[in-house]
Amino acid sequence: ENIEYPEQVCFNYGYVKQNGQRIVTLSKSLVGHLAVLSNYLEYGTNRLTISGMGKRIKVMNNEHISRELNISTKQGNRVITELINAKALFLFDEEYYINPTFYLYGSSFDSEHLDDMMEQDPEILSHIEHYHRAKINMFKKVAYM
């Protein structure tokens, strides 16, 4: 049988925004900043974007994040670094993604950056539904043979 990496994975919780198990690991100020940023999640990817009806999607950068958090760029950079160190935020190809085990926008998640995320935060795998977790584990076994 040909084993393929799933294009989308489902997490153990349904259509939810905040996962209390992971949030409690953050300081209160980081929880607040992450809550504000969760309003900018792209459906199914958790990429931070600015979008609106009829507008082209704009990927958030450090300045956008700082402006939306209502803090200076210097403070924004410090918050971004703290969120990355806490594994709540990822940076791939100059795009920011919120860890789906902290906040998830949608009932499934695009697996494009999933391996990179799990490399930085192995705990992610334990939050993925059993069926998809088993497929990922099988895929990795076959890939590393």
Protein backbone atom coordinates (compact mmCIF):
# COMPACT_ATOMS: atom_id res chain seq x y z
CA GLU A 1 0.00 0.00 0.00
CA ASN A 2 1.20 3.50 -0.85
CA ILE A 3 1.34 5.56 2.34
CA GLU A 4 0.85 9.29 1.83
CA TYR A 5 1.26 12.13 4.27
CA PRO A 6 -2.19 13.60 5.00
CA GLU A 7 -2.85 16.99 3.40
CA GLN A 8 -4.97 18.03 6.38
CA VAL A 9 -5.09 16.72 9.93
CA CYS A 10 -7.77 16.99 12.60
CA PHE A 11 -7.02 17.78 16.21
CA ASN A 12 -8.59 16.06 19.23
CA TYR A 13 -10.84 19.03 19.85
CA GLY A 14 -13.52 20.34 17.54
CA TYR A 15 -13.96 23.80 16.11
CA VAL A 16 -12.35 25.69 18.94
CA LYS A 17 -10.23 28.76 19.27
CA GLN A 18 -8.38 28.34 22.54
CA ASN A 19 -6.83 25.24 24.10
CA GLY A 20 -6.68 25.84 27.87
CA GLN A 21 -4.07 23.12 28.44
CA ARG A 22 -1.42 25.01 26.52
CA ILE A 23 -2.52 28.58 27.30
CA VAL A 24 -1.87 28.17 31.05
CA THR A 25 1.85 27.73 30.30
CA LEU A 26 2.08 31.39 29.21
CA SER A 27 2.33 34.56 31.30
CA LYS A 28 -0.86 36.61 31.56
CA SER A 29 0.48 39.31 29.26
CA LEU A 30 1.42 36.73 26.59
CA VAL A 31 -2.04 35.16 26.89
CA GLY A 32 -3.53 38.58 26.21
CA HIS A 33 -1.28 39.25 23.23
CA LEU A 34 -1.97 35.81 21.79
CA ALA A 35 -5.73 36.34 22.25
CA VAL A 36 -5.54 39.57 20.24
CA LEU A 37 -3.48 37.88 17.52
CA SER A 38 -5.96 34.99 17.33
CA ASN A 39 -8.37 37.42 15.64
CA TYR A 40 -6.03 37.42 12.64
CA LEU A 41 -5.80 33.67 12.07
CA GLU A 42 -6.26 32.40 8.54
CA TYR A 43 -8.81 29.57 8.44
CA GLY A 44 -7.21 26.12 8.30
CA THR A 45 -3.57 27.32 8.38
CA ASN A 46 -3.28 29.51 11.51
CA ARG A 47 -1.16 31.96 9.53
CA LEU A 48 -1.42 35.54 10.83
CA THR A 49 -3.04 37.67 8.12
CA ILE A 50 -4.96 40.88 7.67
CA SER A 51 -7.94 40.43 5.42
CA GLY A 52 -11.38 41.82 4.82
CA MET A 53 -14.26 41.55 2.41
CA GLY A 54 -12.96 42.12 -1.10
CA LYS A 55 -9.41 42.77 0.10
CA ARG A 56 -6.35 40.77 -0.81
CA ILE A 57 -4.88 38.82 2.09
CA LYS A 58 -1.86 40.53 3.61
CA VAL A 59 0.52 38.43 5.71
CA MET A 60 1.28 40.12 9.04
CA ASN A 61 4.84 41.24 9.73
CA ASN A 62 6.45 42.60 12.92
CA GLU A 63 5.06 46.10 12.37
CA HIS A 64 1.51 44.83 11.77
CA ILE A 65 1.68 42.66 14.88
CA SER A 66 3.00 45.53 17.01
CA ARG A 67 0.32 47.90 15.70
CA GLU A 68 -2.51 45.41 16.39
CA LEU A 69 -1.13 44.79 19.90
CA ASN A 70 -0.97 48.58 20.37
CA ILE A 71 2.69 48.48 21.42
CA SER A 72 5.96 49.82 19.99
CA THR A 73 7.81 47.80 17.35
CA LYS A 74 10.60 47.19 19.87
CA GLN A 75 8.09 45.79 22.40
CA GLY A 76 6.40 43.87 19.59
CA ASN A 77 9.67 42.22 18.63
CA ARG A 78 10.19 41.22 22.28
CA VAL A 79 6.65 39.76 22.50
CA ILE A 80 7.16 37.87 19.21
CA THR A 81 10.44 36.42 20.53
CA GLU A 82 8.77 35.39 23.81
CA LEU A 83 5.88 33.72 21.94
CA ILE A 84 8.32 31.86 19.67
CA ASN A 85 10.37 30.74 22.70
CA ALA A 86 7.15 29.53 24.35
CA LYS A 87 6.34 27.55 21.16
CA ALA A 88 3.08 29.48 20.78
CA LEU A 89 4.21 31.18 17.57
CA PHE A 90 6.23 29.93 14.61
CA LEU A 91 8.03 31.79 11.83
CA PHE A 92 8.34 30.06 8.45
CA ASP A 93 9.40 31.86 5.26
CA GLU A 94 8.80 35.27 6.88
CA GLU A 95 5.21 34.31 7.82
CA TYR A 96 3.95 33.93 11.38
CA TYR A 97 1.75 31.00 12.44
CA ILE A 98 0.10 30.43 15.80
CA ASN A 99 0.68 26.93 17.16
CA PRO A 100 -2.61 25.03 16.58
CA THR A 101 -2.36 23.51 20.06
CA PHE A 102 -2.78 27.02 21.53
CA TYR A 103 -5.39 28.41 19.13
CA LEU A 104 -7.00 26.70 16.15
CA TYR A 105 -9.20 28.38 13.59
CA GLY A 106 -11.17 25.66 11.85
CA SER A 107 -11.89 22.00 12.45
CA SER A 108 -8.91 20.74 10.43
CA PHE A 109 -5.44 22.03 9.79
CA ASP A 110 -3.37 22.24 6.60
CA SER A 111 -0.28 20.07 7.09
CA GLU A 112 2.07 22.14 4.88
CA HIS A 113 4.16 23.34 7.85
CA LEU A 114 3.14 20.60 10.28
CA ASP A 115 6.49 18.76 10.20
CA ASP A 116 8.36 22.01 10.85
CA MET A 117 5.99 22.82 13.71
CA MET A 118 6.35 19.34 15.25
CA GLU A 119 10.13 19.63 14.98
CA GLN A 120 9.99 22.77 17.14
CA ASP A 121 7.16 21.49 19.37
CA PRO A 122 6.90 17.66 19.49
CA GLU A 123 3.85 17.94 21.78
CA ILE A 124 1.73 18.87 18.74
CA LEU A 125 1.59 15.22 17.64
CA SER A 126 -0.18 14.21 20.85
CA HIS A 127 -3.00 16.69 20.08
CA ILE A 128 -3.72 15.28 16.60
CA GLU A 129 -6.60 12.83 16.21
CA HIS A 130 -5.50 9.20 16.51
CA TYR A 131 -6.24 8.30 12.86
CA HIS A 132 -4.09 11.11 11.45
CA ARG A 133 -1.40 10.59 14.10
CA ALA A 134 -1.12 6.92 13.07
CA LYS A 135 -0.85 7.91 9.38
CA ILE A 136 1.89 10.44 10.16
CA ASN A 137 3.81 7.88 12.22
CA MET A 138 3.49 5.27 9.44
CA PHE A 139 4.60 7.80 6.85
CA LYS A 140 7.68 8.69 8.92
CA LYS A 141 8.61 5.02 9.41
CA VAL A 142 8.40 4.36 5.67
CA ALA A 143 10.20 7.62 4.79
CA TYR A 144 13.14 6.82 7.06
CA MET A 145 13.58 3.21 5.89
